[in-house]
């Protein structure tokens, strides 16, 4: 492969982004909504304290 090679997919994405400049902003907005969340440290600590330890073998039944 040469250094100047671009796959058809890469060419398509570049062309699409050139034709639809709002795509990048839309992707960032979606990422912010789904992934980039502010976590409450106090709430996270509560989750850790409330965690119940899992048995070593989950399919074993203690009778």
Protein backbone atom coordinates (compact mmCIF):
# COMPACT_ATOMS: atom_id res chain seq x y z
CA UNK A 1 0.00 0.00 0.00
CA UNK A 2 1.27 3.46 -0.77
CA UNK A 3 1.14 6.35 1.65
CA UNK A 4 -1.36 8.19 -0.53
CA UNK A 5 -3.85 5.33 -0.65
CA UNK A 6 -7.34 5.99 0.69
CA UNK A 7 -9.98 3.30 0.85
CA UNK A 8 -13.37 3.81 -0.73
CA UNK A 9 -14.90 4.07 2.73
CA UNK A 10 -12.50 6.86 3.74
CA UNK A 11 -13.23 8.70 0.50
CA UNK A 12 -16.98 8.30 1.08
CA UNK A 13 -16.76 9.63 4.65
CA UNK A 14 -14.68 12.64 3.58
CA UNK A 15 -17.09 13.41 0.75
CA UNK A 16 -20.10 13.00 3.07
CA UNK A 17 -18.60 15.34 5.66
CA UNK A 18 -17.82 17.91 2.95
CA UNK A 19 -21.44 17.77 1.78
CA UNK A 20 -22.87 17.70 5.32
CA UNK A 21 -20.73 20.00 7.53
CA UNK A 22 -23.19 19.69 10.44
CA UNK A 23 -22.18 16.05 10.90
CA UNK A 24 -19.23 16.77 13.20
CA UNK A 25 -21.29 18.98 15.50
CA UNK A 26 -24.06 16.38 15.57
CA UNK A 27 -21.58 13.63 16.48
CA UNK A 28 -20.10 15.74 19.31
CA UNK A 29 -23.59 16.53 20.60
CA UNK A 30 -24.50 12.82 20.61
CA UNK A 31 -21.29 11.93 22.40
CA UNK A 32 -21.95 14.58 25.05
CA UNK A 33 -25.45 13.27 25.61
CA UNK A 34 -24.44 9.62 25.90
CA UNK A 35 -20.88 9.47 27.24
CA UNK A 36 -19.50 12.72 28.60
CA UNK A 37 -21.41 12.89 31.87
CA UNK A 38 -20.46 14.65 35.08
CA UNK A 39 -20.35 12.08 37.88
CA UNK A 40 -21.36 12.87 41.43
CA UNK A 41 -18.51 11.61 43.64
CA UNK A 42 -20.77 11.22 46.68
CA UNK A 43 -23.27 9.15 44.71
CA UNK A 44 -20.49 6.98 43.26
CA UNK A 45 -19.18 6.30 46.78
CA UNK A 46 -22.68 5.26 47.83
CA UNK A 47 -22.83 2.82 44.91
CA UNK A 48 -19.49 1.30 45.98
CA UNK A 49 -20.65 0.87 49.58
CA UNK A 50 -23.96 -0.70 48.53
CA UNK A 51 -22.30 -3.27 46.30
CA UNK A 52 -22.93 -6.89 47.31
CA UNK A 53 -19.97 -9.23 46.79
CA UNK A 54 -20.59 -11.94 44.23
CA UNK A 55 -20.05 -15.58 45.16
CA UNK A 56 -17.03 -17.21 43.50
CA UNK A 57 -19.20 -19.62 41.53
CA UNK A 58 -22.52 -18.02 40.72
CA UNK A 59 -24.28 -21.24 39.69
CA UNK A 60 -23.61 -22.98 43.00
CA UNK A 61 -26.61 -22.95 45.31
CA UNK A 62 -26.07 -22.73 49.05
CA UNK A 63 -28.74 -24.85 50.67
